[in-house]
Each structure stands twice: as structure tokens, then as C-alpha cells.
Amino acid sequence: MYKFSSLDKISFILIIIGAINWGLLGLFNFNLVGFIFGSGAIARIVYILIGVAGVVMLIFLVRSKNLLKKIK
């Protein structure tokens, strides 16, 4: 079984935050990240980190697929 690295865990959490934020935006037009961090540089950094987390999770999926092929 694949062990999650710290980067994988952090990325997963950031993706969940991003998904909740998008859900709130779609349902209630409420930007949770903007509410918590304002509209300044910190919010922009959070958005960038969520985007990077998405890329990390894509790489994770490719790695785990390759790992599964090796096991079979």
C-alpha cells in the first residue's frame, strides 16, 4: 500500500478547502477564502497553493496508477 507523504496530505487538505470554497461560491455566492483572508496578497497566495495542490494530486494519481500496474 502506498504511504502518503506530508506533501500529499497537505495537498489533499488544500484541495478539500478549495472544493468547499467552490461549493459555497456556487450555492451561496460566498467566498470563504476571501472572507477569511480578505482580498489581498494572502488570499492570492492561498489560491496559488490550492492550484499547486491540484497539480501535486494529479502527479499523485499518476504515481499511484503506475504503482498499481507494477503490483499486478
N, C-alpha and C. Protein backbone atom coordinates (compact mmCIF):
# COMPACT_ATOMS: atom_id res chain seq x y z
N MET A 1 0.84 -1.18 0.00
CA MET A 1 0.00 0.00 0.00
C MET A 1 0.88 1.25 0.00
N TYR A 2 0.45 2.24 -0.72
CA TYR A 2 1.21 3.48 -0.85
C TYR A 2 1.09 4.30 0.42
N LYS A 3 2.21 4.82 0.90
CA LYS A 3 2.20 5.71 2.07
C LYS A 3 2.13 7.15 1.58
N PHE A 4 1.25 7.91 2.20
CA PHE A 4 1.12 9.32 1.85
C PHE A 4 2.28 10.10 2.43
N SER A 5 2.88 10.96 1.60
CA SER A 5 3.91 11.86 2.10
C SER A 5 3.23 13.07 2.74
N SER A 6 4.00 13.87 3.44
CA SER A 6 3.45 15.09 4.04
C SER A 6 2.89 16.02 2.98
N LEU A 7 3.58 16.11 1.85
CA LEU A 7 3.11 16.95 0.74
C LEU A 7 1.77 16.45 0.22
N ASP A 8 1.60 15.13 0.12
CA ASP A 8 0.33 14.57 -0.32
C ASP A 8 -0.79 14.93 0.65
N LYS A 9 -0.53 14.82 1.93
CA LYS A 9 -1.55 15.12 2.95
C LYS A 9 -1.94 16.59 2.92
N ILE A 10 -0.95 17.47 2.84
CA ILE A 10 -1.22 18.91 2.79
C ILE A 10 -2.00 19.25 1.52
N SER A 11 -1.60 18.67 0.41
CA SER A 11 -2.28 18.92 -0.86
C SER A 11 -3.73 18.46 -0.80
N PHE A 12 -3.95 17.31 -0.22
CA PHE A 12 -5.31 16.78 -0.09
C PHE A 12 -6.18 17.74 0.73
N ILE A 13 -5.65 18.24 1.82
CA ILE A 13 -6.40 19.18 2.67
C ILE A 13 -6.71 20.47 1.90
N LEU A 14 -5.71 20.98 1.17
CA LEU A 14 -5.93 22.20 0.39
C LEU A 14 -6.98 22.00 -0.70
N ILE A 15 -7.00 20.83 -1.30
CA ILE A 15 -8.00 20.55 -2.33
C ILE A 15 -9.40 20.50 -1.72
N ILE A 16 -9.51 19.94 -0.52
CA ILE A 16 -10.80 19.92 0.16
C ILE A 16 -11.26 21.35 0.46
N ILE A 17 -10.34 22.19 0.93
CA ILE A 17 -10.67 23.60 1.20
C ILE A 17 -11.13 24.28 -0.09
N GLY A 18 -10.41 24.03 -1.17
CA GLY A 18 -10.78 24.62 -2.46
C GLY A 18 -12.14 24.14 -2.94
N ALA A 19 -12.43 22.86 -2.75
CA ALA A 19 -13.72 22.32 -3.18
C ALA A 19 -14.86 22.92 -2.35
N ILE A 20 -14.65 23.04 -1.06
CA ILE A 20 -15.68 23.66 -0.20
C ILE A 20 -15.90 25.11 -0.62
N ASN A 21 -14.80 25.81 -0.90
CA ASN A 21 -14.91 27.21 -1.33
C ASN A 21 -15.72 27.32 -2.62
N TRP A 22 -15.42 26.45 -3.61
CA TRP A 22 -16.16 26.47 -4.88
C TRP A 22 -17.63 26.13 -4.66
N GLY A 23 -17.89 25.17 -3.77
CA GLY A 23 -19.28 24.82 -3.48
C GLY A 23 -20.04 25.97 -2.88
N LEU A 24 -19.42 26.67 -1.93
CA LEU A 24 -20.06 27.83 -1.31
C LEU A 24 -20.26 28.96 -2.32
N LEU A 25 -19.29 29.12 -3.22
CA LEU A 25 -19.44 30.14 -4.26
C LEU A 25 -20.62 29.81 -5.17
N GLY A 26 -20.72 28.56 -5.56
CA GLY A 26 -21.80 28.16 -6.45
C GLY A 26 -23.17 28.22 -5.80
N LEU A 27 -23.26 27.79 -4.55
CA LEU A 27 -24.55 27.72 -3.88
C LEU A 27 -25.02 29.06 -3.33
N PHE A 28 -24.10 29.78 -2.68
CA PHE A 28 -24.50 30.97 -1.93
C PHE A 28 -23.77 32.25 -2.35
N ASN A 29 -22.93 32.15 -3.38
CA ASN A 29 -22.11 33.29 -3.81
C ASN A 29 -21.29 33.83 -2.64
N PHE A 30 -20.75 32.91 -1.83
CA PHE A 30 -19.96 33.27 -0.66
C PHE A 30 -18.55 32.73 -0.83
N ASN A 31 -17.57 33.61 -0.81
CA ASN A 31 -16.17 33.23 -0.98
C ASN A 31 -15.53 33.07 0.41
N LEU A 32 -15.39 31.84 0.85
CA LEU A 32 -14.87 31.56 2.18
C LEU A 32 -13.42 32.02 2.33
N VAL A 33 -12.59 31.75 1.34
CA VAL A 33 -11.18 32.16 1.40
C VAL A 33 -11.09 33.68 1.44
N GLY A 34 -11.87 34.35 0.62
CA GLY A 34 -11.89 35.81 0.64
C GLY A 34 -12.41 36.36 1.96
N PHE A 35 -13.38 35.68 2.55
CA PHE A 35 -13.93 36.10 3.84
C PHE A 35 -12.88 35.98 4.94
N ILE A 36 -12.14 34.88 4.93
CA ILE A 36 -11.15 34.64 5.99
C ILE A 36 -9.92 35.51 5.81
N PHE A 37 -9.40 35.59 4.57
CA PHE A 37 -8.12 36.25 4.33
C PHE A 37 -8.24 37.61 3.67
N GLY A 38 -9.43 38.05 3.35
CA GLY A 38 -9.59 39.32 2.67
C GLY A 38 -9.31 39.18 1.19
N SER A 39 -9.15 40.28 0.51
CA SER A 39 -8.91 40.23 -0.94
C SER A 39 -7.47 40.60 -1.28
N GLY A 40 -6.58 40.51 -0.32
CA GLY A 40 -5.20 40.92 -0.54
C GLY A 40 -4.29 39.79 -0.97
N ALA A 41 -3.02 40.00 -0.69
CA ALA A 41 -1.97 39.07 -1.13
C ALA A 41 -2.08 37.70 -0.47
N ILE A 42 -2.53 37.67 0.77
CA ILE A 42 -2.61 36.37 1.47
C ILE A 42 -3.65 35.48 0.80
N ALA A 43 -4.79 36.04 0.44
CA ALA A 43 -5.82 35.25 -0.25
C ALA A 43 -5.28 34.75 -1.59
N ARG A 44 -4.55 35.59 -2.27
CA ARG A 44 -3.98 35.19 -3.57
C ARG A 44 -2.99 34.05 -3.39
N ILE A 45 -2.19 34.10 -2.33
CA ILE A 45 -1.24 33.02 -2.04
C ILE A 45 -1.99 31.73 -1.74
N VAL A 46 -3.09 31.82 -0.99
CA VAL A 46 -3.89 30.63 -0.69
C VAL A 46 -4.44 30.03 -1.99
N TYR A 47 -4.93 30.86 -2.89
CA TYR A 47 -5.43 30.35 -4.17
C TYR A 47 -4.31 29.68 -4.97
N ILE A 48 -3.13 30.26 -4.97
CA ILE A 48 -1.99 29.67 -5.67
C ILE A 48 -1.64 28.32 -5.05
N LEU A 49 -1.63 28.25 -3.72
CA LEU A 49 -1.32 26.99 -3.05
C LEU A 49 -2.35 25.91 -3.37
N ILE A 50 -3.61 26.30 -3.46
CA ILE A 50 -4.66 25.33 -3.81
C ILE A 50 -4.45 24.83 -5.25
N GLY A 51 -4.06 25.72 -6.15
CA GLY A 51 -3.77 25.31 -7.52
C GLY A 51 -2.58 24.38 -7.60
N VAL A 52 -1.53 24.68 -6.86
CA VAL A 52 -0.35 23.81 -6.83
C VAL A 52 -0.73 22.45 -6.23
N ALA A 53 -1.59 22.46 -5.21
CA ALA A 53 -2.05 21.21 -4.61
C ALA A 53 -2.78 20.35 -5.64
N GLY A 54 -3.53 20.97 -6.51
CA GLY A 54 -4.21 20.22 -7.58
C GLY A 54 -3.22 19.53 -8.50
N VAL A 55 -2.15 20.21 -8.85
CA VAL A 55 -1.11 19.62 -9.69
C VAL A 55 -0.42 18.47 -8.96
N VAL A 56 -0.14 18.67 -7.68
CA VAL A 56 0.50 17.62 -6.88
C VAL A 56 -0.39 16.38 -6.83
N MET A 57 -1.70 16.58 -6.69
CA MET A 57 -2.61 15.43 -6.64
C MET A 57 -2.71 14.73 -7.99
N LEU A 58 -2.60 15.48 -9.09
CA LEU A 58 -2.55 14.84 -10.41
C LEU A 58 -1.32 13.94 -10.52
N ILE A 59 -0.20 14.45 -10.06
CA ILE A 59 1.03 13.65 -10.07
C ILE A 59 0.87 12.43 -9.16
N PHE A 60 0.22 12.61 -8.01
CA PHE A 60 -0.04 11.51 -7.10
C PHE A 60 -0.87 10.42 -7.79
N LEU A 61 -1.90 10.83 -8.53
CA LEU A 61 -2.74 9.85 -9.22
C LEU A 61 -1.95 9.06 -10.25
N VAL A 62 -1.10 9.74 -10.99
CA VAL A 62 -0.27 9.05 -11.98
C VAL A 62 0.68 8.07 -11.30
N ARG A 63 1.31 8.51 -10.20
CA ARG A 63 2.21 7.63 -9.45
C ARG A 63 1.48 6.42 -8.91
N SER A 64 0.30 6.63 -8.35
CA SER A 64 -0.43 5.51 -7.76
C SER A 64 -0.93 4.55 -8.84
N LYS A 65 -1.29 5.06 -10.02
CA LYS A 65 -1.68 4.19 -11.13
C LYS A 65 -0.50 3.32 -11.56
N ASN A 66 0.67 3.96 -11.68
CA ASN A 66 1.87 3.21 -12.07
C ASN A 66 2.23 2.18 -11.01
N LEU A 67 2.04 2.53 -9.75
CA LEU A 67 2.33 1.60 -8.66
C LEU A 67 1.39 0.41 -8.73
N LEU A 68 0.11 0.65 -9.02
CA LEU A 68 -0.84 -0.43 -9.11
C LEU A 68 -0.51 -1.37 -10.27
N LYS A 69 -0.05 -0.80 -11.39
CA LYS A 69 0.34 -1.63 -12.54
C LYS A 69 1.52 -2.52 -12.18
N LYS A 70 2.47 -2.02 -11.40
CA LYS A 70 3.63 -2.79 -11.01
C LYS A 70 3.26 -3.93 -10.08
N ILE A 71 2.24 -3.70 -9.22
CA ILE A 71 1.83 -4.73 -8.27
C ILE A 71 1.14 -5.88 -8.98
N LYS A 72 0.34 -5.58 -9.98
CA LYS A 72 -0.41 -6.62 -10.71
C LYS A 72 0.52 -7.37 -11.56
